[in-house]
């Protein structure tokens, strides 16, 4: 069995649970906690005996899951706007475009930046 002590100040419980789920085909995972650490116990399933490889996969997966969580938190507002726009009957960001005649370019998107003064 491999036991990893994972700092609570670095890793969330959701990330630890996600790792346990991702590795469930390879190992039985046990999660516990102490004051400052999540304890992740990994017992390889039958036929898998390389504990170092299992520990390495777990730590790589843990970092991946933690970064996914950070990205999810940072992009939540943006994704909410996209979903709201997709299900809205009007243009939420530029309502003036709803009444623009077909074939027109009221925002000037077809013009080069040098003509519009846009800076990227």
N, C-alpha and C. Protein backbone atom coordinates (compact mmCIF):
# COMPACT_ATOMS: atom_id res chain seq x y z
N UNK A 1 0.84 -1.17 0.00
CA UNK A 1 0.00 0.00 0.00
C UNK A 1 0.89 1.24 0.00
N UNK A 2 0.46 2.27 -0.74
CA UNK A 2 1.13 3.56 -0.78
C UNK A 2 0.25 4.54 -0.02
N UNK A 3 0.86 5.34 0.82
CA UNK A 3 0.12 6.35 1.57
C UNK A 3 0.74 7.71 1.24
N UNK A 4 -0.10 8.61 0.75
CA UNK A 4 0.35 9.96 0.43
C UNK A 4 -0.27 10.94 1.42
N UNK A 5 0.55 11.81 1.98
CA UNK A 5 0.06 12.89 2.82
C UNK A 5 0.03 14.14 1.97
N UNK A 6 -1.15 14.70 1.78
CA UNK A 6 -1.35 15.81 0.86
C UNK A 6 -1.79 17.05 1.65
N UNK A 7 -1.04 18.10 1.55
CA UNK A 7 -1.31 19.31 2.32
C UNK A 7 -2.67 19.90 1.97
N UNK A 8 -3.46 20.17 3.00
CA UNK A 8 -4.78 20.79 2.79
C UNK A 8 -4.65 22.22 2.28
N UNK A 9 -3.51 22.86 2.54
CA UNK A 9 -3.32 24.22 2.05
C UNK A 9 -3.01 24.26 0.55
N UNK A 10 -2.69 23.11 -0.03
CA UNK A 10 -2.35 23.02 -1.45
C UNK A 10 -3.45 22.32 -2.25
N UNK A 11 -4.02 21.24 -1.70
CA UNK A 11 -4.96 20.42 -2.44
C UNK A 11 -6.34 20.42 -1.77
N UNK A 12 -7.36 20.49 -2.58
CA UNK A 12 -8.73 20.45 -2.08
C UNK A 12 -9.21 19.00 -1.95
N UNK A 13 -10.23 18.82 -1.13
CA UNK A 13 -10.81 17.49 -0.98
C UNK A 13 -11.40 17.02 -2.31
N UNK A 14 -11.99 17.94 -3.08
CA UNK A 14 -12.55 17.57 -4.38
C UNK A 14 -11.47 17.00 -5.30
N UNK A 15 -10.30 17.60 -5.30
CA UNK A 15 -9.20 17.09 -6.12
C UNK A 15 -8.76 15.70 -5.66
N UNK A 16 -8.69 15.50 -4.37
CA UNK A 16 -8.28 14.20 -3.84
C UNK A 16 -9.32 13.14 -4.21
N UNK A 17 -10.60 13.49 -4.09
CA UNK A 17 -11.66 12.54 -4.47
C UNK A 17 -11.62 12.25 -5.97
N UNK A 18 -11.33 13.26 -6.77
CA UNK A 18 -11.24 13.06 -8.22
C UNK A 18 -10.11 12.11 -8.57
N UNK A 19 -8.99 12.24 -7.90
CA UNK A 19 -7.86 11.33 -8.12
C UNK A 19 -8.25 9.91 -7.73
N UNK A 20 -8.90 9.76 -6.59
CA UNK A 20 -9.33 8.43 -6.16
C UNK A 20 -10.24 7.80 -7.20
N UNK A 21 -11.13 8.59 -7.74
CA UNK A 21 -12.03 8.07 -8.77
C UNK A 21 -11.26 7.68 -10.04
N UNK A 22 -10.35 8.55 -10.48
CA UNK A 22 -9.58 8.27 -11.70
C UNK A 22 -8.72 7.02 -11.57
N UNK A 23 -8.25 6.73 -10.36
CA UNK A 23 -7.37 5.58 -10.16
C UNK A 23 -8.12 4.34 -9.70
N UNK A 24 -9.43 4.41 -9.63
CA UNK A 24 -10.20 3.29 -9.06
C UNK A 24 -10.07 2.00 -9.87
N UNK A 25 -9.73 2.07 -11.14
CA UNK A 25 -9.54 0.85 -11.92
C UNK A 25 -8.21 0.19 -11.58
N UNK A 26 -7.27 0.97 -11.06
CA UNK A 26 -5.94 0.46 -10.76
C UNK A 26 -5.72 0.15 -9.29
N UNK A 27 -6.47 0.83 -8.41
CA UNK A 27 -6.21 0.69 -6.99
C UNK A 27 -7.47 0.97 -6.17
N UNK A 28 -7.50 0.38 -5.00
CA UNK A 28 -8.51 0.72 -4.02
C UNK A 28 -7.98 1.94 -3.29
N UNK A 29 -8.80 2.99 -3.22
CA UNK A 29 -8.35 4.24 -2.63
C UNK A 29 -9.09 4.52 -1.33
N UNK A 30 -8.35 4.94 -0.35
CA UNK A 30 -8.91 5.28 0.95
C UNK A 30 -8.52 6.72 1.24
N UNK A 31 -9.51 7.55 1.59
CA UNK A 31 -9.25 8.96 1.90
C UNK A 31 -9.56 9.18 3.38
N UNK A 32 -8.63 9.85 4.03
CA UNK A 32 -8.82 10.22 5.42
C UNK A 32 -8.22 11.61 5.58
N UNK A 33 -8.43 12.20 6.77
CA UNK A 33 -7.82 13.50 6.98
C UNK A 33 -7.24 13.62 8.37
N UNK A 34 -6.27 14.53 8.46
CA UNK A 34 -5.70 14.91 9.75
C UNK A 34 -5.83 16.42 9.80
N UNK A 35 -5.20 17.05 10.77
CA UNK A 35 -5.35 18.49 10.91
C UNK A 35 -4.90 19.26 9.67
N UNK A 36 -3.76 18.89 9.13
CA UNK A 36 -3.17 19.65 8.02
C UNK A 36 -3.05 18.89 6.71
N UNK A 37 -3.43 17.61 6.71
CA UNK A 37 -3.22 16.77 5.53
C UNK A 37 -4.45 15.97 5.17
N UNK A 38 -4.59 15.73 3.86
CA UNK A 38 -5.48 14.67 3.37
C UNK A 38 -4.60 13.45 3.27
N UNK A 39 -5.09 12.34 3.72
CA UNK A 39 -4.35 11.08 3.63
C UNK A 39 -4.99 10.26 2.51
N UNK A 40 -4.21 9.92 1.50
CA UNK A 40 -4.70 9.11 0.39
C UNK A 40 -3.95 7.79 0.39
N UNK A 41 -4.66 6.73 0.72
CA UNK A 41 -4.07 5.40 0.70
C UNK A 41 -4.44 4.70 -0.60
N UNK A 42 -3.46 4.12 -1.25
CA UNK A 42 -3.66 3.45 -2.53
C UNK A 42 -3.20 2.00 -2.41
N UNK A 43 -4.11 1.08 -2.54
CA UNK A 43 -3.78 -0.34 -2.52
C UNK A 43 -3.98 -0.87 -3.94
N UNK A 44 -2.92 -1.28 -4.62
CA UNK A 44 -3.04 -1.74 -6.01
C UNK A 44 -4.00 -2.92 -6.13
N UNK A 45 -4.76 -2.92 -7.21
CA UNK A 45 -5.63 -4.06 -7.52
C UNK A 45 -4.78 -5.24 -7.96
N UNK A 46 -5.37 -6.39 -8.03
CA UNK A 46 -4.64 -7.59 -8.43
C UNK A 46 -3.90 -7.39 -9.73
N UNK A 47 -2.69 -7.84 -9.78
CA UNK A 47 -1.89 -7.76 -11.00
C UNK A 47 -1.06 -6.49 -11.09
N UNK A 48 -1.34 -5.50 -10.27
CA UNK A 48 -0.55 -4.27 -10.27
C UNK A 48 0.28 -4.23 -9.00
N UNK A 49 1.59 -4.20 -9.16
CA UNK A 49 2.44 -4.26 -7.97
C UNK A 49 3.45 -3.13 -7.88
N UNK A 50 3.61 -2.33 -8.93
CA UNK A 50 4.60 -1.27 -8.89
C UNK A 50 4.05 -0.06 -8.14
N UNK A 51 4.40 0.03 -6.86
CA UNK A 51 3.87 1.09 -6.01
C UNK A 51 4.41 2.46 -6.38
N UNK A 52 5.66 2.52 -6.84
CA UNK A 52 6.23 3.82 -7.23
C UNK A 52 5.49 4.41 -8.42
N UNK A 53 5.17 3.58 -9.42
CA UNK A 53 4.42 4.06 -10.58
C UNK A 53 3.04 4.55 -10.17
N UNK A 54 2.40 3.81 -9.29
CA UNK A 54 1.08 4.19 -8.81
C UNK A 54 1.13 5.53 -8.08
N UNK A 55 2.13 5.72 -7.23
CA UNK A 55 2.29 6.97 -6.49
C UNK A 55 2.56 8.13 -7.46
N UNK A 56 3.39 7.89 -8.47
CA UNK A 56 3.69 8.94 -9.46
C UNK A 56 2.43 9.32 -10.25
N UNK A 57 1.68 8.32 -10.68
CA UNK A 57 0.42 8.61 -11.41
C UNK A 57 -0.54 9.40 -10.52
N UNK A 58 -0.61 9.03 -9.26
CA UNK A 58 -1.52 9.73 -8.34
C UNK A 58 -1.11 11.19 -8.16
N UNK A 59 0.17 11.46 -8.01
CA UNK A 59 0.60 12.85 -7.81
C UNK A 59 0.44 13.68 -9.08
N UNK A 60 0.69 13.08 -10.26
CA UNK A 60 0.46 13.80 -11.52
C UNK A 60 -1.03 14.10 -11.69
N UNK A 61 -1.85 13.11 -11.41
CA UNK A 61 -3.30 13.29 -11.54
C UNK A 61 -3.82 14.31 -10.53
N UNK A 62 -3.23 14.33 -9.36
CA UNK A 62 -3.64 15.28 -8.33
C UNK A 62 -3.38 16.72 -8.79
N UNK A 63 -2.22 16.95 -9.34
CA UNK A 63 -1.91 18.29 -9.85
C UNK A 63 -2.86 18.66 -10.99
N UNK A 64 -3.12 17.72 -11.89
CA UNK A 64 -4.04 17.95 -12.99
C UNK A 64 -5.43 18.33 -12.48
N UNK A 65 -5.93 17.59 -11.52
CA UNK A 65 -7.26 17.86 -10.98
C UNK A 65 -7.31 19.20 -10.26
N UNK A 66 -6.26 19.54 -9.56
CA UNK A 66 -6.23 20.83 -8.85
C UNK A 66 -6.22 21.98 -9.85
N UNK A 67 -5.45 21.86 -10.92
CA UNK A 67 -5.43 22.91 -11.95
C UNK A 67 -6.77 23.01 -12.67
N UNK A 68 -7.42 21.89 -12.91
CA UNK A 68 -8.76 21.92 -13.52
C UNK A 68 -9.74 22.68 -12.64
N UNK A 69 -9.63 22.47 -11.34
CA UNK A 69 -10.52 23.16 -10.41
C UNK A 69 -10.27 24.67 -10.42
N UNK A 70 -9.01 25.06 -10.45
CA UNK A 70 -8.67 26.49 -10.50
C UNK A 70 -9.21 27.11 -11.78
N UNK A 71 -9.01 26.45 -12.91
CA UNK A 71 -9.54 26.96 -14.19
C UNK A 71 -11.06 27.05 -14.17
N UNK A 72 -11.70 26.07 -13.58
CA UNK A 72 -13.15 26.07 -13.48
C UNK A 72 -13.63 27.29 -12.69
N UNK A 73 -12.98 27.58 -11.58
CA UNK A 73 -13.36 28.73 -10.76
C UNK A 73 -13.11 30.05 -11.50
N UNK A 74 -11.99 30.15 -12.19
CA UNK A 74 -11.64 31.40 -12.87
C UNK A 74 -12.49 31.67 -14.11
N UNK A 75 -13.04 30.65 -14.72
CA UNK A 75 -13.81 30.84 -15.95
C UNK A 75 -15.31 30.70 -15.75
N UNK A 76 -15.77 30.53 -14.51
CA UNK A 76 -17.19 30.32 -14.25
C UNK A 76 -18.06 31.47 -14.76
N UNK A 77 -17.67 32.70 -14.49
CA UNK A 77 -18.48 33.85 -14.92
C UNK A 77 -18.56 33.91 -16.45
N UNK A 78 -17.44 33.68 -17.10
CA UNK A 78 -17.40 33.71 -18.56
C UNK A 78 -18.32 32.64 -19.16
N UNK A 79 -18.25 31.43 -18.61
CA UNK A 79 -19.09 30.33 -19.10
C UNK A 79 -20.57 30.62 -18.84
N UNK A 80 -20.88 31.28 -17.75
CA UNK A 80 -22.28 31.64 -17.46
C UNK A 80 -22.83 32.61 -18.50
N UNK A 81 -22.02 33.57 -18.90
CA UNK A 81 -22.45 34.53 -19.93
C UNK A 81 -22.68 33.81 -21.26
N UNK A 82 -21.79 32.90 -21.62
CA UNK A 82 -21.95 32.16 -22.87
C UNK A 82 -23.24 31.34 -22.85
N UNK A 83 -23.51 30.67 -21.74
CA UNK A 83 -24.73 29.86 -21.64
C UNK A 83 -25.96 30.75 -21.67
N UNK A 84 -25.93 31.88 -20.94
CA UNK A 84 -27.06 32.80 -20.94
C UNK A 84 -27.33 33.32 -22.34
N UNK A 85 -26.26 33.67 -23.06
CA UNK A 85 -26.43 34.18 -24.43
C UNK A 85 -27.00 33.10 -25.34
N UNK A 86 -26.57 31.88 -25.16
CA UNK A 86 -27.03 30.79 -26.02
C UNK A 86 -28.52 30.55 -25.87
N UNK A 87 -29.06 30.74 -24.68
CA UNK A 87 -30.47 30.47 -24.45
C UNK A 87 -31.34 31.73 -24.43
N UNK A 88 -30.74 32.86 -24.69
CA UNK A 88 -31.48 34.12 -24.69
C UNK A 88 -32.03 34.39 -26.09
N UNK A 89 -33.14 35.04 -26.14
CA UNK A 89 -33.73 35.39 -27.44
C UNK A 89 -33.17 36.68 -28.00
N UNK A 90 -32.33 37.38 -27.23
CA UNK A 90 -31.74 38.65 -27.66
C UNK A 90 -30.24 38.61 -27.43
N UNK A 91 -29.54 39.56 -28.02
CA UNK A 91 -28.11 39.67 -27.83
C UNK A 91 -27.87 40.40 -26.52
N UNK A 92 -27.35 39.72 -25.52
CA UNK A 92 -27.16 40.31 -24.20
C UNK A 92 -26.01 41.30 -24.15
N UNK A 93 -24.98 41.10 -24.94
CA UNK A 93 -23.82 41.98 -24.91
C UNK A 93 -23.95 43.19 -25.82
N UNK A 94 -24.61 43.01 -26.94
CA UNK A 94 -24.79 44.09 -27.91
C UNK A 94 -26.23 44.08 -28.42
N UNK A 95 -27.19 44.56 -27.61
CA UNK A 95 -28.60 44.50 -28.03
C UNK A 95 -28.88 45.28 -29.31
N UNK A 96 -28.04 46.28 -29.62
CA UNK A 96 -28.24 47.06 -30.84
C UNK A 96 -28.10 46.21 -32.10
N UNK A 97 -27.44 45.08 -31.99
CA UNK A 97 -27.26 44.22 -33.15
C UNK A 97 -28.53 43.46 -33.52
N UNK A 98 -29.47 43.33 -32.60
CA UNK A 98 -30.71 42.61 -32.89
C UNK A 98 -31.54 43.31 -33.96
N UNK A 99 -31.43 44.64 -34.06
CA UNK A 99 -32.23 45.40 -35.02
C UNK A 99 -31.44 45.83 -36.25
N UNK A 100 -30.19 45.43 -36.34
CA UNK A 100 -29.36 45.82 -37.48
C UNK A 100 -29.83 45.08 -38.72
N UNK A 101 -29.89 45.78 -39.85
CA UNK A 101 -30.29 45.13 -41.10
C UNK A 101 -29.31 44.02 -41.48
N UNK A 102 -29.81 42.99 -42.09
CA UNK A 102 -28.98 41.87 -42.53
C UNK A 102 -27.90 42.37 -43.48
N UNK A 103 -26.72 41.83 -43.33
CA UNK A 103 -25.62 42.18 -44.22
C UNK A 103 -24.86 43.42 -43.79
N UNK A 104 -25.28 44.07 -42.71
CA UNK A 104 -24.55 45.25 -42.25
C UNK A 104 -23.54 44.85 -41.19
N UNK A 105 -22.67 45.78 -40.86
CA UNK A 105 -21.60 45.53 -39.89
C UNK A 105 -21.58 46.68 -38.89
N UNK A 106 -22.57 46.76 -37.97
CA UNK A 106 -22.65 47.90 -37.08
C UNK A 106 -21.47 48.04 -36.11
N UNK A 107 -20.79 46.98 -35.82
CA UNK A 107 -19.62 47.06 -34.94
C UNK A 107 -18.32 47.31 -35.70
N UNK A 108 -18.38 47.28 -37.01
CA UNK A 108 -17.20 47.52 -37.82
C UNK A 108 -16.17 46.41 -37.75
N UNK A 109 -16.64 45.19 -37.53
CA UNK A 109 -15.71 44.06 -37.40
C UNK A 109 -15.00 43.70 -38.70
N UNK A 110 -15.59 44.08 -39.83
CA UNK A 110 -14.97 43.74 -41.11
C UNK A 110 -13.89 44.76 -41.51
N UNK A 111 -13.79 45.86 -40.77
CA UNK A 111 -12.79 46.89 -41.10
C UNK A 111 -11.47 46.57 -40.42
N UNK A 112 -10.35 46.93 -41.05
CA UNK A 112 -9.04 46.69 -40.43
C UNK A 112 -8.89 47.53 -39.16
N UNK A 113 -8.09 47.08 -38.24
CA UNK A 113 -7.87 47.81 -37.00
C UNK A 113 -7.33 49.21 -37.24
N UNK A 114 -6.55 49.37 -38.28
CA UNK A 114 -5.98 50.69 -38.57
C UNK A 114 -7.08 51.72 -38.86
N UNK A 115 -8.23 51.28 -39.36
CA UNK A 115 -9.36 52.19 -39.63
C UNK A 115 -10.22 52.43 -38.40
N UNK A 116 -10.31 51.44 -37.54
CA UNK A 116 -11.20 51.56 -36.38
C UNK A 116 -10.48 52.03 -35.12
N UNK A 117 -9.16 51.95 -35.10
CA UNK A 117 -8.42 52.33 -33.91
C UNK A 117 -8.39 51.26 -32.83
N UNK A 118 -8.89 50.07 -33.15
CA UNK A 118 -8.88 48.99 -32.16
C UNK A 118 -7.45 48.56 -31.89
N UNK A 119 -7.19 48.24 -30.64
CA UNK A 119 -5.88 47.73 -30.24
C UNK A 119 -6.08 46.40 -29.55
N UNK A 120 -5.29 45.41 -29.93
CA UNK A 120 -5.41 44.05 -29.33
C UNK A 120 -4.36 43.84 -28.29
